């Protein structure tokens, strides 16, 4: 296979995918999309119980469930060792997990701040650090970070810790993309806004949802599958010349 074919088609065997926060609405949509694309997928979340409930209806394909507490570095380390020893080498990492807080600065406690940063930002760094060496050896890899529009706006409805953690995740995306560009690994982010997940359906009241919807030019909320499609494109071999990019998925709420 010449270099052009390898660039356009990627490795002969479709890379193993790890999706965090896979028991949630968005993570599950991403995992399903990657299965439909023919990948073997690892779904990770806080507990096997959550994951087993989430995967009751899955498309055909090979997948694995791995419990991991992203707020604990030891749990991430143990899970990555298990994955390498029992499943395989991850070629595509989707840092999707995140926890939302709508508390602004005066009502955000230090404990809340630290937990949100641990899950939303630290885990993406630690997982990348764990998995990059195998991607480097393969000469191919994809890291896709689910950031947020809040990193650009300061949080229209989201709180201070959430918005700041997602800003950090955006900066991590750029930093890793610059560092890893010569190695065959691309690193990109998505900045979705108001996806139809519990963050919108449960953590905003009716008045807040109506106000947000009025400001979205396309006149609706984002479907989880729409974000999943963007992930599958960035994970594909033919997105290999895209790195250090943050793709907005916000229905025209912010245009830049």
C-alpha atoms as a PDB file:
ATOM      1  CA  UNK A   1       0.000   0.000   0.000  1.00  0.00           C
ATOM      2  CA  UNK A   2       1.520   3.338  -1.012  1.00  0.00           C
ATOM      3  CA  UNK A   3       1.417   6.387   1.207  1.00  0.00           C
ATOM      4  CA  UNK A   4      -1.537   7.966  -0.594  1.00  0.00           C
ATOM      5  CA  UNK A   5      -3.695   4.878  -0.094  1.00  0.00           C
ATOM      6  CA  UNK A   6      -2.746   4.659   3.581  1.00  0.00           C
ATOM      7  CA  UNK A   7      -3.581   8.327   4.137  1.00  0.00           C
ATOM      8  CA  UNK A   8      -6.987   8.009   2.472  1.00  0.00           C
ATOM      9  CA  UNK A   9      -7.929   4.566   3.777  1.00  0.00           C
ATOM     10  CA  UNK A  10      -6.155   4.293   7.113  1.00  0.00           C
ATOM     11  CA  UNK A  11      -4.961   1.088   8.769  1.00  0.00           C
ATOM     12  CA  UNK A  12      -5.928  -2.232   7.197  1.00  0.00           C
ATOM     13  CA  UNK A  13      -7.945  -3.088  10.310  1.00  0.00           C
ATOM     14  CA  UNK A  14     -10.397  -0.516  11.626  1.00  0.00           C
ATOM     15  CA  UNK A  15      -8.978   0.971  14.841  1.00  0.00           C
ATOM     16  CA  UNK A  16     -10.414   0.174  18.244  1.00  0.00           C
ATOM     17  CA  UNK A  17     -12.550   3.034  19.625  1.00  0.00           C
ATOM     18  CA  UNK A  18     -12.924   4.177  23.238  1.00  0.00           C
ATOM     19  CA  UNK A  19     -15.914   6.395  24.070  1.00  0.00           C
ATOM     20  CA  UNK A  20     -16.219   7.871  27.565  1.00  0.00           C
ATOM     21  CA  UNK A  21     -19.550   8.815  29.080  1.00  0.00           C
ATOM     22  CA  UNK A  22     -21.036   6.104  26.887  1.00  0.00           C
ATOM     23  CA  UNK A  23     -24.038   5.391  29.110  1.00  0.00           C
ATOM     24  CA  UNK A  24     -25.343   8.900  28.468  1.00  0.00           C
ATOM     25  CA  UNK A  25     -27.492   9.966  25.543  1.00  0.00           C
ATOM     26  CA  UNK A  26     -24.695  11.573  23.525  1.00  0.00           C
ATOM     27  CA  UNK A  27     -22.012   8.999  24.327  1.00  0.00           C
ATOM     28  CA  UNK A  28     -24.340   6.155  23.403  1.00  0.00           C
ATOM     29  CA  UNK A  29     -25.196   7.814  20.080  1.00  0.00           C
ATOM     30  CA  UNK A  30     -21.469   8.145  19.329  1.00  0.00           C
ATOM     31  CA  UNK A  31     -20.786   4.515  20.257  1.00  0.00           C
ATOM     32  CA  UNK A  32     -23.654   3.321  18.045  1.00  0.00           C
ATOM     33  CA  UNK A  33     -22.421   5.411  15.128  1.00  0.00           C
ATOM     34  CA  UNK A  34     -18.904   3.984  15.428  1.00  0.00           C
ATOM     35  CA  UNK A  35     -20.326   0.444  15.533  1.00  0.00           C
ATOM     36  CA  UNK A  36     -22.306   1.186  12.372  1.00  0.00           C
ATOM     37  CA  UNK A  37     -19.055   2.362  10.767  1.00  0.00           C
ATOM     38  CA  UNK A  38     -17.587  -1.091  11.428  1.00  0.00           C
ATOM     39  CA  UNK A  39     -15.398  -0.324  14.445  1.00  0.00           C
ATOM     40  CA  UNK A  40     -14.941  -2.410  17.558  1.00  0.00           C
ATOM     41  CA  UNK A  41     -16.001  -0.098  20.383  1.00  0.00           C
ATOM     42  CA  UNK A  42     -15.281   0.194  24.096  1.00  0.00           C
ATOM     43  CA  UNK A  43     -18.084   1.911  25.990  1.00  0.00           C
ATOM     44  CA  UNK A  44     -16.926   3.381  29.279  1.00  0.00           C
ATOM     45  CA  UNK A  45     -18.844   4.993  32.116  1.00  0.00           C
ATOM     46  CA  UNK A  46     -18.961   5.127  35.888  1.00  0.00           C
ATOM     47  CA  UNK A  47     -20.415   1.630  36.424  1.00  0.00           C
ATOM     48  CA  UNK A  48     -21.185  -1.566  34.543  1.00  0.00           C
ATOM     49  CA  UNK A  49     -24.785  -1.305  35.736  1.00  0.00           C
ATOM     50  CA  UNK A  50     -25.230   2.011  33.920  1.00  0.00           C
ATOM     51  CA  UNK A  51     -23.595   0.638  30.787  1.00  0.00           C
ATOM     52  CA  UNK A  52     -25.586  -2.597  30.735  1.00  0.00           C
ATOM     53  CA  UNK A  53     -28.823  -0.654  30.939  1.00  0.00           C
ATOM     54  CA  UNK A  54     -27.698   1.702  28.166  1.00  0.00           C
ATOM     55  CA  UNK A  55     -26.785  -1.013  25.664  1.00  0.00           C
ATOM     56  CA  UNK A  56     -30.044  -2.941  25.740  1.00  0.00           C
ATOM     57  CA  UNK A  57     -30.623  -1.883  22.129  1.00  0.00           C
ATOM     58  CA  UNK A  58     -27.396  -1.763  20.154  1.00  0.00           C
ATOM     59  CA  UNK A  59     -26.670  -2.252  16.456  1.00  0.00           C
ATOM     60  CA  UNK A  60     -24.749  -5.331  15.397  1.00  0.00           C
ATOM     61  CA  UNK A  61     -21.047  -5.216  16.100  1.00  0.00           C
ATOM     62  CA  UNK A  62     -18.392  -6.002  18.647  1.00  0.00           C
ATOM     63  CA  UNK A  63     -18.346  -3.879  21.774  1.00  0.00           C
ATOM     64  CA  UNK A  64     -17.009  -4.015  25.320  1.00  0.00           C
ATOM     65  CA  UNK A  65     -18.142  -2.399  28.566  1.00  0.00           C
ATOM     66  CA  UNK A  66     -15.507  -0.927  30.871  1.00  0.00           C
ATOM     67  CA  UNK A  67     -16.313   0.825  34.147  1.00  0.00           C
ATOM     68  CA  UNK A  68     -14.124   3.831  34.892  1.00  0.00           C
ATOM     69  CA  UNK A  69     -14.394   6.669  37.415  1.00  0.00           C
ATOM     70  CA  UNK A  70     -13.000   9.602  35.488  1.00  0.00           C
ATOM     71  CA  UNK A  71     -12.655  11.661  38.666  1.00  0.00           C
ATOM     72  CA  UNK A  72     -10.021   9.199  39.921  1.00  0.00           C
ATOM     73  CA  UNK A  73      -6.615   8.915  38.242  1.00  0.00           C
ATOM     74  CA  UNK A  74      -6.106   5.412  39.673  1.00  0.00           C
ATOM     75  CA  UNK A  75      -9.342   4.224  38.086  1.00  0.00           C
ATOM     76  CA  UNK A  76      -8.291   5.579  34.693  1.00  0.00           C
ATOM     77  CA  UNK A  77      -4.902   3.886  35.003  1.00  0.00           C
ATOM     78  CA  UNK A  78      -6.451   0.535  35.966  1.00  0.00           C
ATOM     79  CA  UNK A  79      -9.029   0.697  33.169  1.00  0.00           C
ATOM     80  CA  UNK A  80      -6.387   1.480  30.531  1.00  0.00           C
ATOM     81  CA  UNK A  81      -4.259  -1.451  31.708  1.00  0.00           C
ATOM     82  CA  UNK A  82      -7.298  -3.727  31.471  1.00  0.00           C
ATOM     83  CA  UNK A  83      -8.076  -2.470  27.971  1.00  0.00           C
ATOM     84  CA  UNK A  84      -4.509  -3.029  26.730  1.00  0.00           C
ATOM     85  CA  UNK A  85      -4.237  -6.487  28.282  1.00  0.00           C
ATOM     86  CA  UNK A  86      -7.718  -7.845  27.557  1.00  0.00           C
ATOM     87  CA  UNK A  87      -9.140  -5.956  24.565  1.00  0.00           C
ATOM     88  CA  UNK A  88      -6.459  -4.253  22.478  1.00  0.00           C
ATOM     89  CA  UNK A  89      -4.772  -0.994  21.573  1.00  0.00           C
ATOM     90  CA  UNK A  90      -7.042   2.011  21.210  1.00  0.00           C
ATOM     91  CA  UNK A  91      -6.653   3.937  17.964  1.00  0.00           C
ATOM     92  CA  UNK A  92      -9.545   6.381  18.391  1.00  0.00           C
ATOM     93  CA  UNK A  93     -10.274   8.134  21.680  1.00  0.00           C
ATOM     94  CA  UNK A  94     -13.503  10.088  22.091  1.00  0.00           C
ATOM     95  CA  UNK A  95     -13.409  12.173  25.271  1.00  0.00           C
ATOM     96  CA  UNK A  96     -17.142  12.677  25.541  1.00  0.00           C
ATOM     97  CA  UNK A  97     -17.810  12.422  29.300  1.00  0.00           C
ATOM     98  CA  UNK A  98     -18.770  15.611  31.062  1.00  0.00           C
ATOM     99  CA  UNK A  99     -20.787  16.865  33.990  1.00  0.00           C
ATOM    100  CA  UNK A 100     -22.763  20.075  33.906  1.00  0.00           C
ATOM    101  CA  UNK A 101     -23.222  22.690  36.581  1.00  0.00           C
ATOM    102  CA  UNK A 102     -25.237  25.860  36.126  1.00  0.00           C
ATOM    103  CA  UNK A 103     -23.782  27.476  39.253  1.00  0.00           C
ATOM    104  CA  UNK A 104     -22.138  30.819  38.593  1.00  0.00           C
ATOM    105  CA  UNK A 105     -19.057  31.979  40.490  1.00  0.00           C
ATOM    106  CA  UNK A 106     -20.719  33.036  43.741  1.00  0.00           C
ATOM    107  CA  UNK A 107     -22.523  29.719  44.233  1.00  0.00           C
ATOM    108  CA  UNK A 108     -19.874  27.318  42.922  1.00  0.00           C
ATOM    109  CA  UNK A 109     -18.011  25.581  45.746  1.00  0.00           C
ATOM    110  CA  UNK A 110     -14.366  24.611  45.491  1.00  0.00           C
ATOM    111  CA  UNK A 111     -15.344  20.922  45.751  1.00  0.00           C
ATOM    112  CA  UNK A 112     -17.727  21.293  42.807  1.00  0.00           C
ATOM    113  CA  UNK A 113     -15.086  23.187  40.810  1.00  0.00           C
ATOM    114  CA  UNK A 114     -12.519  20.427  41.354  1.00  0.00           C
ATOM    115  CA  UNK A 115     -14.901  17.574  40.516  1.00  0.00           C
ATOM    116  CA  UNK A 116     -16.031  19.230  37.285  1.00  0.00           C
ATOM    117  CA  UNK A 117     -12.439  19.851  36.241  1.00  0.00           C
ATOM    118  CA  UNK A 118     -11.466  16.272  37.143  1.00  0.00           C
ATOM    119  CA  UNK A 119     -14.150  14.767  34.908  1.00  0.00           C
ATOM    120  CA  UNK A 120     -14.352  17.343  32.113  1.00  0.00           C
ATOM    121  CA  UNK A 121     -10.663  18.164  31.668  1.00  0.00           C
ATOM    122  CA  UNK A 122      -8.238  16.084  33.731  1.00  0.00           C
ATOM    123  CA  UNK A 123      -9.646  12.785  32.460  1.00  0.00           C
ATOM    124  CA  UNK A 124      -9.175  13.825  28.821  1.00  0.00           C
ATOM    125  CA  UNK A 125      -5.540  14.648  29.536  1.00  0.00           C
ATOM    126  CA  UNK A 126      -4.920  11.432  31.479  1.00  0.00           C
ATOM    127  CA  UNK A 127      -6.580   9.196  28.890  1.00  0.00           C
ATOM    128  CA  UNK A 128      -4.700  10.906  26.073  1.00  0.00           C
ATOM    129  CA  UNK A 129      -1.442  10.487  27.989  1.00  0.00           C
ATOM    130  CA  UNK A 130      -2.197   6.779  28.477  1.00  0.00           C
ATOM    131  CA  UNK A 131      -3.189   6.030  24.890  1.00  0.00           C
ATOM    132  CA  UNK A 132      -0.945   8.268  22.769  1.00  0.00           C
ATOM    133  CA  UNK A 133       2.109   5.958  22.957  1.00  0.00           C
ATOM    134  CA  UNK A 134       0.279   3.103  21.197  1.00  0.00           C
ATOM    135  CA  UNK A 135      -1.077   5.521  18.578  1.00  0.00           C
ATOM    136  CA  UNK A 136       2.457   6.803  17.953  1.00  0.00           C
ATOM    137  CA  UNK A 137       3.748   3.259  17.469  1.00  0.00           C
ATOM    138  CA  UNK A 138       0.964   2.620  14.955  1.00  0.00           C
ATOM    139  CA  UNK A 139       1.695   5.891  13.150  1.00  0.00           C
ATOM    140  CA  UNK A 140      -2.031   6.666  13.188  1.00  0.00           C
ATOM    141  CA  UNK A 141      -4.558   7.868  15.724  1.00  0.00           C
ATOM    142  CA  UNK A 142      -7.519  10.096  16.423  1.00  0.00           C
ATOM    143  CA  UNK A 143      -8.410  12.033  19.571  1.00  0.00           C
ATOM    144  CA  UNK A 144     -11.781  13.787  19.513  1.00  0.00           C
ATOM    145  CA  UNK A 145     -12.794  15.981  22.427  1.00  0.00           C
ATOM    146  CA  UNK A 146     -16.407  16.948  23.026  1.00  0.00           C
ATOM    147  CA  UNK A 147     -15.956  20.550  24.119  1.00  0.00           C
ATOM    148  CA  UNK A 148     -18.805  23.054  24.243  1.00  0.00           C
ATOM    149  CA  UNK A 149     -20.077  26.352  22.912  1.00  0.00           C
ATOM    150  CA  UNK A 150     -19.708  27.485  26.545  1.00  0.00           C
ATOM    151  CA  UNK A 151     -15.940  27.662  26.009  1.00  0.00           C
ATOM    152  CA  UNK A 152     -16.556  30.507  23.541  1.00  0.00           C
ATOM    153  CA  UNK A 153     -19.445  32.327  25.190  1.00  0.00           C
ATOM    154  CA  UNK A 154     -18.521  31.990  28.862  1.00  0.00           C
ATOM    155  CA  UNK A 155     -21.678  29.952  29.348  1.00  0.00           C
ATOM    156  CA  UNK A 156     -25.067  31.296  28.255  1.00  0.00           C
ATOM    157  CA  UNK A 157     -26.850  29.119  30.797  1.00  0.00           C
ATOM    158  CA  UNK A 158     -23.933  26.943  31.982  1.00  0.00           C
ATOM    159  CA  UNK A 159     -22.052  27.775  35.152  1.00  0.00           C
ATOM    160  CA  UNK A 160     -18.529  29.049  35.742  1.00  0.00           C
ATOM    161  CA  UNK A 161     -16.788  25.732  36.437  1.00  0.00           C
ATOM    162  CA  UNK A 162     -18.379  23.977  33.456  1.00  0.00           C
ATOM    163  CA  UNK A 163     -17.597  26.786  31.014  1.00  0.00           C
ATOM    164  CA  UNK A 164     -14.021  27.126  32.253  1.00  0.00           C
ATOM    165  CA  UNK A 165     -13.378  23.382  32.151  1.00  0.00           C
ATOM    166  CA  UNK A 166     -14.600  23.230  28.557  1.00  0.00           C
ATOM    167  CA  UNK A 167     -12.345  26.173  27.716  1.00  0.00           C
ATOM    168  CA  UNK A 168      -9.467  24.157  29.133  1.00  0.00           C
ATOM    169  CA  UNK A 169     -10.495  21.155  27.039  1.00  0.00           C
ATOM    170  CA  UNK A 170     -10.448  23.337  23.928  1.00  0.00           C
ATOM    171  CA  UNK A 171      -6.932  24.522  24.759  1.00  0.00           C
ATOM    172  CA  UNK A 172      -5.842  20.923  25.420  1.00  0.00           C
ATOM    173  CA  UNK A 173      -7.177  20.037  21.970  1.00  0.00           C
ATOM    174  CA  UNK A 174      -5.026  22.710  20.342  1.00  0.00           C
ATOM    175  CA  UNK A 175      -1.946  21.844  22.383  1.00  0.00           C
ATOM    176  CA  UNK A 176      -2.093  18.116  21.632  1.00  0.00           C
ATOM    177  CA  UNK A 177      -2.864  18.771  17.970  1.00  0.00           C
ATOM    178  CA  UNK A 178       0.265  20.916  17.633  1.00  0.00           C
ATOM    179  CA  UNK A 179       2.404  18.408  19.507  1.00  0.00           C
ATOM    180  CA  UNK A 180       1.191  15.302  17.698  1.00  0.00           C
ATOM    181  CA  UNK A 181       0.742  16.578  14.140  1.00  0.00           C
ATOM    182  CA  UNK A 182       3.973  14.965  12.839  1.00  0.00           C
ATOM    183  CA  UNK A 183       3.090  11.551  14.302  1.00  0.00           C
ATOM    184  CA  UNK A 184      -0.013  10.646  12.292  1.00  0.00           C
ATOM    185  CA  UNK A 185      -2.339  11.487  15.183  1.00  0.00           C
ATOM    186  CA  UNK A 186      -4.970  14.178  14.723  1.00  0.00           C
ATOM    187  CA  UNK A 187      -6.683  15.940  17.620  1.00  0.00           C
ATOM    188  CA  UNK A 188      -9.909  17.854  17.134  1.00  0.00           C
ATOM    189  CA  UNK A 189     -12.800  19.159  19.174  1.00  0.00           C
ATOM    190  CA  UNK A 190     -16.522  19.619  18.754  1.00  0.00           C
ATOM    191  CA  UNK A 191     -18.366  22.544  20.301  1.00  0.00           C
ATOM    192  CA  UNK A 192     -21.993  21.459  20.487  1.00  0.00           C
ATOM    193  CA  UNK A 193     -24.712  23.536  22.075  1.00  0.00           C
ATOM    194  CA  UNK A 194     -28.071  22.459  23.453  1.00  0.00           C
ATOM    195  CA  UNK A 195     -28.062  18.828  22.362  1.00  0.00           C
ATOM    196  CA  UNK A 196     -31.223  16.927  23.323  1.00  0.00           C
ATOM    197  CA  UNK A 197     -29.725  15.218  26.372  1.00  0.00           C
ATOM    198  CA  UNK A 198     -30.679  15.439  30.061  1.00  0.00           C
ATOM    199  CA  UNK A 199     -28.505  18.578  30.246  1.00  0.00           C
ATOM    200  CA  UNK A 200     -31.234  20.296  28.197  1.00  0.00           C
ATOM    201  CA  UNK A 201     -34.330  18.253  28.966  1.00  0.00           C
ATOM    202  CA  UNK A 202     -33.845  18.071  32.743  1.00  0.00           C
ATOM    203  CA  UNK A 203     -31.366  20.730  33.860  1.00  0.00           C
ATOM    204  CA  UNK A 204     -33.127  23.634  32.158  1.00  0.00           C
ATOM    205  CA  UNK A 205     -36.671  24.593  33.086  1.00  0.00           C
ATOM    206  CA  UNK A 206     -39.406  25.256  30.536  1.00  0.00           C
ATOM    207  CA  UNK A 207     -38.805  29.004  30.546  1.00  0.00           C
ATOM    208  CA  UNK A 208     -35.060  28.599  30.023  1.00  0.00           C
ATOM    209  CA  UNK A 209     -35.572  26.103  27.181  1.00  0.00           C
ATOM    210  CA  UNK A 210     -38.012  28.423  25.435  1.00  0.00           C
ATOM    211  CA  UNK A 211     -35.604  31.356  25.768  1.00  0.00           C
ATOM    212  CA  UNK A 212     -32.688  29.328  24.413  1.00  0.00           C
ATOM    213  CA  UNK A 213     -34.748  27.954  21.520  1.00  0.00           C
ATOM    214  CA  UNK A 214     -35.762  31.466  20.503  1.00  0.00           C
ATOM    215  CA  UNK A 215     -32.084  32.351  20.018  1.00  0.00           C
ATOM    216  CA  UNK A 216     -31.190  29.342  17.821  1.00  0.00           C
ATOM    217  CA  UNK A 217     -31.591  30.355  14.153  1.00  0.00           C
ATOM    218  CA  UNK A 218     -32.440  26.833  12.914  1.00  0.00           C
ATOM    219  CA  UNK A 219     -35.309  26.813  15.411  1.00  0.00           C
ATOM    220  CA  UNK A 220     -34.677  23.507  17.178  1.00  0.00           C
ATOM    221  CA  UNK A 221     -32.303  21.679  19.508  1.00  0.00           C
ATOM    222  CA  UNK A 222     -29.480  19.456  18.245  1.00  0.00           C
ATOM    223  CA  UNK A 223     -30.012  15.713  17.922  1.00  0.00           C
ATOM    224  CA  UNK A 224     -27.350  13.476  19.528  1.00  0.00           C
ATOM    225  CA  UNK A 225     -26.973  11.632  16.221  1.00  0.00           C
ATOM    226  CA  UNK A 226     -25.882  14.866  14.536  1.00  0.00           C
ATOM    227  CA  UNK A 227     -22.929  15.164  16.900  1.00  0.00           C
ATOM    228  CA  UNK A 228     -22.182  11.464  16.417  1.00  0.00           C
ATOM    229  CA  UNK A 229     -21.972  11.953  12.642  1.00  0.00           C
ATOM    230  CA  UNK A 230     -19.390  14.701  13.125  1.00  0.00           C
ATOM    231  CA  UNK A 231     -17.378  12.429  15.420  1.00  0.00           C
ATOM    232  CA  UNK A 232     -17.403   9.622  12.860  1.00  0.00           C
ATOM    233  CA  UNK A 233     -16.104  11.987  10.177  1.00  0.00           C
ATOM    234  CA  UNK A 234     -13.252  13.307  12.333  1.00  0.00           C
ATOM    235  CA  UNK A 235     -12.407   9.703  13.257  1.00  0.00           C
ATOM    236  CA  UNK A 236     -12.207   8.637   9.625  1.00  0.00           C
ATOM    237  CA  UNK A 237      -8.991   8.355   7.592  1.00  0.00           C
ATOM    238  CA  UNK A 238     -10.204  11.018   5.187  1.00  0.00           C
ATOM    239  CA  UNK A 239     -10.177  13.658   7.915  1.00  0.00           C
ATOM    240  CA  UNK A 240      -6.422  13.220   8.291  1.00  0.00           C
ATOM    241  CA  UNK A 241      -5.584  16.765   7.127  1.00  0.00           C
ATOM    242  CA  UNK A 242      -7.840  18.287   9.793  1.00  0.00           C
ATOM    243  CA  UNK A 243      -6.206  18.792  13.173  1.00  0.00           C
ATOM    244  CA  UNK A 244      -6.449  21.460  15.842  1.00  0.00           C
ATOM    245  CA  UNK A 245      -9.975  22.292  14.718  1.00  0.00           C
ATOM    246  CA  UNK A 246     -12.990  23.108  16.868  1.00  0.00           C
ATOM    247  CA  UNK A 247     -16.191  22.419  14.943  1.00  0.00           C
ATOM    248  CA  UNK A 248     -19.271  24.346  16.022  1.00  0.00           C
ATOM    249  CA  UNK A 249     -22.543  22.416  16.187  1.00  0.00           C
ATOM    250  CA  UNK A 250     -24.926  25.063  17.480  1.00  0.00           C
ATOM    251  CA  UNK A 251     -27.624  25.711  14.876  1.00  0.00           C
ATOM    252  CA  UNK A 252     -26.223  29.161  14.126  1.00  0.00           C
ATOM    253  CA  UNK A 253     -26.442  30.364  17.723  1.00  0.00           C
ATOM    254  CA  UNK A 254     -22.879  31.675  17.396  1.00  0.00           C
ATOM    255  CA  UNK A 255     -21.239  32.200  14.008  1.00  0.00           C
ATOM    256  CA  UNK A 256     -17.516  32.909  13.669  1.00  0.00           C
END
